[in-house]
Amino acid sequence: MDKNPILLQFGKNVQEYRRAQQMSQEQLAESAGVHRTYIGMIERAEKNITLLNIAKIANALKISPSVLLKNL
């Protein structure tokens, strides 16, 4: 099954900013208040993330939510 290009790009963006801050998926999840497997699922484009969780992840990464939406 082909993954949605929007979810693929969003997951790539999350992973890029997480790695740039030298955070593990577990650290990001804890900081964002979500389950650790959820971050992996987002990065693999397996989850259609909600706006509220976009904001939580962006806040945990100390960036604007719009940054995670680049190139969509």
PDB file of N, CA and C in Angstrom:
ATOM      1  N   MET A   1       0.841  -1.182   0.000  1.00  0.00           N
ATOM      2  CA  MET A   1       0.000   0.000   0.000  1.00  0.00           C
ATOM      3  C   MET A   1       0.887   1.246   0.000  1.00  0.00           C
ATOM      4  N   ASP A   2       0.611   2.159  -0.916  1.00  0.00           N
ATOM      5  CA  ASP A   2       1.374   3.398  -1.006  1.00  0.00           C
ATOM      6  C   ASP A   2       0.974   4.330   0.129  1.00  0.00           C
ATOM      7  N   LYS A   3       1.966   4.981   0.685  1.00  0.00           N
ATOM      8  CA  LYS A   3       1.705   5.930   1.772  1.00  0.00           C
ATOM      9  C   LYS A   3       1.427   7.307   1.194  1.00  0.00           C
ATOM     10  N   ASN A   4       0.598   8.047   1.884  1.00  0.00           N
ATOM     11  CA  ASN A   4       0.219   9.383   1.454  1.00  0.00           C
ATOM     12  C   ASN A   4       1.442  10.298   1.444  1.00  0.00           C
ATOM     13  N   PRO A   5       1.674  11.023   0.333  1.00  0.00           N
ATOM     14  CA  PRO A   5       2.851  11.901   0.247  1.00  0.00           C
ATOM     15  C   PRO A   5       2.878  12.997   1.312  1.00  0.00           C
ATOM     16  N   ILE A   6       1.717  13.461   1.736  1.00  0.00           N
ATOM     17  CA  ILE A   6       1.674  14.495   2.777  1.00  0.00           C
ATOM     18  C   ILE A   6       2.163  13.909   4.100  1.00  0.00           C
ATOM     19  N   LEU A   7       1.702  12.699   4.430  1.00  0.00           N
ATOM     20  CA  LEU A   7       2.147  12.052   5.663  1.00  0.00           C
ATOM     21  C   LEU A   7       3.628  11.713   5.605  1.00  0.00           C
ATOM     22  N   LEU A   8       4.104  11.303   4.427  1.00  0.00           N
ATOM     23  CA  LEU A   8       5.529  11.004   4.269  1.00  0.00           C
ATOM     24  C   LEU A   8       6.381  12.249   4.520  1.00  0.00           C
ATOM     25  N   GLN A   9       5.985  13.382   3.924  1.00  0.00           N
ATOM     26  CA  GLN A   9       6.754  14.618   4.099  1.00  0.00           C
ATOM     27  C   GLN A   9       6.686  15.107   5.533  1.00  0.00           C
ATOM     28  N   PHE A  10       5.509  15.027   6.145  1.00  0.00           N
ATOM     29  CA  PHE A  10       5.384  15.468   7.528  1.00  0.00           C
ATOM     30  C   PHE A  10       6.278  14.625   8.432  1.00  0.00           C
ATOM     31  N   GLY A  11       6.262  13.322   8.254  1.00  0.00           N
ATOM     32  CA  GLY A  11       7.101  12.432   9.052  1.00  0.00           C
ATOM     33  C   GLY A  11       8.587  12.727   8.851  1.00  0.00           C
ATOM     34  N   LYS A  12       8.951  13.015   7.618  1.00  0.00           N
ATOM     35  CA  LYS A  12      10.340  13.378   7.323  1.00  0.00           C
ATOM     36  C   LYS A  12      10.725  14.669   8.048  1.00  0.00           C
ATOM     37  N   ASN A  13       9.813  15.630   8.068  1.00  0.00           N
ATOM     38  CA  ASN A  13      10.078  16.899   8.750  1.00  0.00           C
ATOM     39  C   ASN A  13      10.251  16.688  10.256  1.00  0.00           C
ATOM     40  N   VAL A  14       9.370  15.889  10.855  1.00  0.00           N
ATOM     41  CA  VAL A  14       9.484  15.613  12.289  1.00  0.00           C
ATOM     42  C   VAL A  14      10.841  14.966  12.577  1.00  0.00           C
ATOM     43  N   GLN A  15      11.181  13.965  11.790  1.00  0.00           N
ATOM     44  CA  GLN A  15      12.444  13.259  12.003  1.00  0.00           C
ATOM     45  C   GLN A  15      13.643  14.200  11.834  1.00  0.00           C
ATOM     46  N   GLU A  16      13.600  15.041  10.830  1.00  0.00           N
ATOM     47  CA  GLU A  16      14.698  15.984  10.573  1.00  0.00           C
ATOM     48  C   GLU A  16      14.929  16.906  11.771  1.00  0.00           C
ATOM     49  N   TYR A  17      13.868  17.498  12.285  1.00  0.00           N
ATOM     50  CA  TYR A  17      14.017  18.432  13.408  1.00  0.00           C
ATOM     51  C   TYR A  17      14.337  17.703  14.714  1.00  0.00           C
ATOM     52  N   ARG A  18      13.819  16.509  14.872  1.00  0.00           N
ATOM     53  CA  ARG A  18      14.139  15.719  16.071  1.00  0.00           C
ATOM     54  C   ARG A  18      15.626  15.366  16.085  1.00  0.00           C
ATOM     55  N   ARG A  19      16.121  14.892  14.958  1.00  0.00           N
ATOM     56  CA  ARG A  19      17.539  14.518  14.876  1.00  0.00           C
ATOM     57  C   ARG A  19      18.454  15.732  15.002  1.00  0.00           C
ATOM     58  N   ALA A  20      18.042  16.862  14.438  1.00  0.00           N
ATOM     59  CA  ALA A  20      18.835  18.089  14.533  1.00  0.00           C
ATOM     60  C   ALA A  20      19.024  18.502  15.987  1.00  0.00           C
ATOM     61  N   GLN A  21      18.061  18.160  16.825  1.00  0.00           N
ATOM     62  CA  GLN A  21      18.146  18.483  18.252  1.00  0.00           C
ATOM     63  C   GLN A  21      18.686  17.311  19.067  1.00  0.00           C
ATOM     64  N   GLN A  22      19.137  16.287  18.363  1.00  0.00           N
ATOM     65  CA  GLN A  22      19.726  15.098  18.993  1.00  0.00           C
ATOM     66  C   GLN A  22      18.794  14.489  20.041  1.00  0.00           C
ATOM     67  N   MET A  23      17.528  14.405  19.658  1.00  0.00           N
ATOM     68  CA  MET A  23      16.520  13.807  20.529  1.00  0.00           C
ATOM     69  C   MET A  23      16.172  12.419  19.999  1.00  0.00           C
ATOM     70  N   SER A  24      15.948  11.503  20.912  1.00  0.00           N
ATOM     71  CA  SER A  24      15.428  10.200  20.510  1.00  0.00           C
ATOM     72  C   SER A  24      13.918  10.328  20.323  1.00  0.00           C
ATOM     73  N   GLN A  25      13.327   9.327  19.688  1.00  0.00           N
ATOM     74  CA  GLN A  25      11.876   9.322  19.555  1.00  0.00           C
ATOM     75  C   GLN A  25      11.234   9.301  20.941  1.00  0.00           C
ATOM     76  N   GLU A  26      11.827   8.553  21.837  1.00  0.00           N
ATOM     77  CA  GLU A  26      11.289   8.455  23.193  1.00  0.00           C
ATOM     78  C   GLU A  26      11.350   9.806  23.910  1.00  0.00           C
ATOM     79  N   GLN A  27      12.462  10.525  23.765  1.00  0.00           N
ATOM     80  CA  GLN A  27      12.588  11.841  24.404  1.00  0.00           C
ATOM     81  C   GLN A  27      11.557  12.821  23.849  1.00  0.00           C
ATOM     82  N   LEU A  28      11.387  12.794  22.532  1.00  0.00           N
ATOM     83  CA  LEU A  28      10.402  13.683  21.916  1.00  0.00           C
ATOM     84  C   LEU A  28       8.997  13.339  22.401  1.00  0.00           C
ATOM     85  N   ALA A  29       8.689  12.065  22.430  1.00  0.00           N
ATOM     86  CA  ALA A  29       7.361  11.634  22.882  1.00  0.00           C
ATOM     87  C   ALA A  29       7.094  12.090  24.310  1.00  0.00           C
ATOM     88  N   GLU A  30       8.062  11.901  25.171  1.00  0.00           N
ATOM     89  CA  GLU A  30       7.892  12.300  26.574  1.00  0.00           C
ATOM     90  C   GLU A  30       7.668  13.801  26.690  1.00  0.00           C
ATOM     91  N   SER A  31       8.464  14.562  25.953  1.00  0.00           N
ATOM     92  CA  SER A  31       8.351  16.017  26.000  1.00  0.00           C
ATOM     93  C   SER A  31       7.013  16.504  25.417  1.00  0.00           C
ATOM     94  N   ALA A  32       6.513  15.787  24.413  1.00  0.00           N
ATOM     95  CA  ALA A  32       5.260  16.176  23.766  1.00  0.00           C
ATOM     96  C   ALA A  32       4.030  15.616  24.471  1.00  0.00           C
ATOM     97  N   GLY A  33       4.231  14.667  25.363  1.00  0.00           N
ATOM     98  CA  GLY A  33       3.101  14.078  26.069  1.00  0.00           C
ATOM     99  C   GLY A  33       2.325  13.069  25.239  1.00  0.00           C
ATOM    100  N   VAL A  34       3.048  12.360  24.369  1.00  0.00           N
ATOM    101  CA  VAL A  34       2.425  11.304  23.561  1.00  0.00           C
ATOM    102  C   VAL A  34       3.197  10.010  23.784  1.00  0.00           C
ATOM    103  N   HIS A  35       2.653   8.893  23.319  1.00  0.00           N
ATOM    104  CA  HIS A  35       3.314   7.608  23.493  1.00  0.00           C
ATOM    105  C   HIS A  35       4.512   7.511  22.560  1.00  0.00           C
ATOM    106  N   ARG A  36       5.541   6.813  23.010  1.00  0.00           N
ATOM    107  CA  ARG A  36       6.778   6.736  22.226  1.00  0.00           C
ATOM    108  C   ARG A  36       6.579   6.075  20.868  1.00  0.00           C
ATOM    109  N   THR A  37       5.696   5.084  20.781  1.00  0.00           N
ATOM    110  CA  THR A  37       5.480   4.436  19.485  1.00  0.00           C
ATOM    111  C   THR A  37       4.754   5.350  18.499  1.00  0.00           C
ATOM    112  N   TYR A  38       4.038   6.335  19.024  1.00  0.00           N
ATOM    113  CA  TYR A  38       3.309   7.280  18.179  1.00  0.00           C
ATOM    114  C   TYR A  38       4.273   8.096  17.314  1.00  0.00           C
ATOM    115  N   ILE A  39       5.389   8.509  17.888  1.00  0.00           N
ATOM    116  CA  ILE A  39       6.379   9.284  17.123  1.00  0.00           C
ATOM    117  C   ILE A  39       6.916   8.450  15.967  1.00  0.00           C
ATOM    118  N   GLY A  40       7.249   7.205  16.224  1.00  0.00           N
ATOM    119  CA  GLY A  40       7.733   6.330  15.159  1.00  0.00           C
ATOM    120  C   GLY A  40       6.702   6.142  14.059  1.00  0.00           C
ATOM    121  N   MET A  41       5.459   6.001  14.455  1.00  0.00           N
ATOM    122  CA  MET A  41       4.390   5.833  13.472  1.00  0.00           C
ATOM    123  C   MET A  41       4.213   7.089  12.620  1.00  0.00           C
ATOM    124  N   ILE A  42       4.394   8.244  13.229  1.00  0.00           N
ATOM    125  CA  ILE A  42       4.318   9.503  12.477  1.00  0.00           C
ATOM    126  C   ILE A  42       5.471   9.577  11.489  1.00  0.00           C
ATOM    127  N   GLU A  43       6.668   9.277  11.967  1.00  0.00           N
ATOM    128  CA  GLU A  43       7.846   9.363  11.102  1.00  0.00           C
ATOM    129  C   GLU A  43       7.790   8.356   9.949  1.00  0.00           C
ATOM    130  N   ARG A  44       7.097   7.253  10.142  1.00  0.00           N
ATOM    131  CA  ARG A  44       6.947   6.243   9.083  1.00  0.00           C
ATOM    132  C   ARG A  44       5.681   6.448   8.256  1.00  0.00           C
ATOM    133  N   ALA A  45       4.994   7.559   8.471  1.00  0.00           N
ATOM    134  CA  ALA A  45       3.773   7.913   7.739  1.00  0.00           C
ATOM    135  C   ALA A  45       2.668   6.882   7.937  1.00  0.00           C
ATOM    136  N   GLU A  46       2.577   6.349   9.135  1.00  0.00           N
ATOM    137  CA  GLU A  46       1.556   5.361   9.451  1.00  0.00           C
ATOM    138  C   GLU A  46       0.370   5.966  10.209  1.00  0.00           C
ATOM    139  N   LYS A  47       0.482   7.218  10.598  1.00  0.00           N
ATOM    140  CA  LYS A  47      -0.579   7.886  11.361  1.00  0.00           C
ATOM    141  C   LYS A  47      -0.945   9.201  10.693  1.00  0.00           C
ATOM    142  N   ASN A  48      -2.236   9.477  10.657  1.00  0.00           N
ATOM    143  CA  ASN A  48      -2.731  10.768  10.203  1.00  0.00           C
ATOM    144  C   ASN A  48      -2.902  11.619  11.461  1.00  0.00           C
ATOM    145  N   ILE A  49      -1.932  12.434  11.741  1.00  0.00           N
ATOM    146  CA  ILE A  49      -1.817  13.171  12.999  1.00  0.00           C
ATOM    147  C   ILE A  49      -2.843  14.300  13.088  1.00  0.00           C
ATOM    148  N   THR A  50      -3.309  14.581  14.302  1.00  0.00           N
ATOM    149  CA  THR A  50      -4.263  15.674  14.519  1.00  0.00           C
ATOM    150  C   THR A  50      -3.531  17.002  14.697  1.00  0.00           C
ATOM    151  N   LEU A  51      -4.267  18.060  14.518  1.00  0.00           N
ATOM    152  CA  LEU A  51      -3.722  19.401  14.698  1.00  0.00           C
ATOM    153  C   LEU A  51      -3.201  19.604  16.122  1.00  0.00           C
ATOM    154  N   LEU A  52      -3.919  19.080  17.105  1.00  0.00           N
ATOM    155  CA  LEU A  52      -3.470  19.210  18.495  1.00  0.00           C
ATOM    156  C   LEU A  52      -2.121  18.527  18.707  1.00  0.00           C
ATOM    157  N   ASN A  53      -1.927  17.365  18.106  1.00  0.00           N
ATOM    158  CA  ASN A  53      -0.656  16.665  18.269  1.00  0.00           C
ATOM    159  C   ASN A  53       0.467  17.313  17.465  1.00  0.00           C
ATOM    160  N   ILE A  54       0.128  17.944  16.346  1.00  0.00           N
ATOM    161  CA  ILE A  54       1.132  18.724  15.620  1.00  0.00           C
ATOM    162  C   ILE A  54       1.656  19.825  16.538  1.00  0.00           C
ATOM    163  N   ALA A  55       0.757  20.502  17.220  1.00  0.00           N
ATOM    164  CA  ALA A  55       1.151  21.583  18.131  1.00  0.00           C
ATOM    165  C   ALA A  55       1.990  21.044  19.285  1.00  0.00           C
ATOM    166  N   LYS A  56       1.620  19.904  19.850  1.00  0.00           N
ATOM    167  CA  LYS A  56       2.388  19.313  20.949  1.00  0.00           C
ATOM    168  C   LYS A  56       3.809  18.973  20.512  1.00  0.00           C
ATOM    169  N   ILE A  57       3.937  18.374  19.334  1.00  0.00           N
ATOM    170  CA  ILE A  57       5.262  17.978  18.839  1.00  0.00           C
ATOM    171  C   ILE A  57       6.094  19.211  18.514  1.00  0.00           C
ATOM    172  N   ALA A  58       5.478  20.191  17.867  1.00  0.00           N
ATOM    173  CA  ALA A  58       6.204  21.427  17.552  1.00  0.00           C
ATOM    174  C   ALA A  58       6.682  22.109  18.831  1.00  0.00           C
ATOM    175  N   ASN A  59       5.821  22.181  19.841  1.00  0.00           N
ATOM    176  CA  ASN A  59       6.222  22.789  21.109  1.00  0.00           C
ATOM    177  C   ASN A  59       7.373  22.026  21.741  1.00  0.00           C
ATOM    178  N   ALA A  60       7.334  20.714  21.684  1.00  0.00           N
ATOM    179  CA  ALA A  60       8.408  19.899  22.249  1.00  0.00           C
ATOM    180  C   ALA A  60       9.720  20.127  21.511  1.00  0.00           C
ATOM    181  N   LEU A  61       9.621  20.403  20.199  1.00  0.00           N
ATOM    182  CA  LEU A  61      10.816  20.678  19.398  1.00  0.00           C
ATOM    183  C   LEU A  61      11.214  22.155  19.445  1.00  0.00           C
ATOM    184  N   LYS A  62      10.391  22.970  20.106  1.00  0.00           N
ATOM    185  CA  LYS A  62      10.620  24.418  20.223  1.00  0.00           C
ATOM    186  C   LYS A  62      10.663  25.106  18.858  1.00  0.00           C
ATOM    187  N   ILE A  63       9.715  24.701  18.016  1.00  0.00           N
ATOM    188  CA  ILE A  63       9.563  25.315  16.700  1.00  0.00           C
ATOM    189  C   ILE A  63       8.087  25.616  16.466  1.00  0.00           C
ATOM    190  N   SER A  64       7.810  26.398  15.457  1.00  0.00           N
ATOM    191  CA  SER A  64       6.433  26.703  15.087  1.00  0.00           C
ATOM    192  C   SER A  64       5.823  25.495  14.382  1.00  0.00           C
ATOM    193  N   PRO A  65       4.542  25.238  14.601  1.00  0.00           N
ATOM    194  CA  PRO A  65       3.903  24.143  13.865  1.00  0.00           C
ATOM    195  C   PRO A  65       4.055  24.283  12.351  1.00  0.00           C
ATOM    196  N   SER A  66       4.100  25.499  11.867  1.00  0.00           N
ATOM    197  CA  SER A  66       4.218  25.710  10.414  1.00  0.00           C
ATOM    198  C   SER A  66       5.525  25.148   9.855  1.00  0.00           C
ATOM    199  N   VAL A  67       6.549  25.082  10.674  1.00  0.00           N
ATOM    200  CA  VAL A  67       7.832  24.520  10.237  1.00  0.00           C
ATOM    201  C   VAL A  67       7.667  23.037   9.903  1.00  0.00           C
ATOM    202  N   LEU A  68       6.864  22.341  10.692  1.00  0.00           N
ATOM    203  CA  LEU A  68       6.645  20.914  10.430  1.00  0.00           C
ATOM    204  C   LEU A  68       5.787  20.683   9.194  1.00  0.00           C
ATOM    205  N   LEU A  69       5.123  21.722   8.733  1.00  0.00           N
ATOM    206  CA  LEU A  69       4.247  21.601   7.566  1.00  0.00           C
ATOM    207  C   LEU A  69       4.932  22.050   6.263  1.00  0.00           C
ATOM    208  N   LYS A  70       6.219  22.350   6.328  1.00  0.00           N
ATOM    209  CA  LYS A  70       6.924  22.829   5.129  1.00  0.00           C
ATOM    210  C   LYS A  70       6.937  21.741   4.046  1.00  0.00           C
ATOM    211  N   ASN A  71       6.882  22.177   2.831  1.00  0.00           N
ATOM    212  CA  ASN A  71       6.935  21.309   1.643  1.00  0.00           C
ATOM    213  C   ASN A  71       5.750  20.351   1.502  1.00  0.00           C
ATOM    214  N   LEU A  72       4.638  20.649   2.161  1.00  0.00           N
ATOM    215  CA  LEU A  72       3.476  19.757   2.032  1.00  0.00           C
ATOM    216  C   LEU A  72       2.657  20.115   0.807  1.00  0.00           C
TER     217      LEU A  72
END
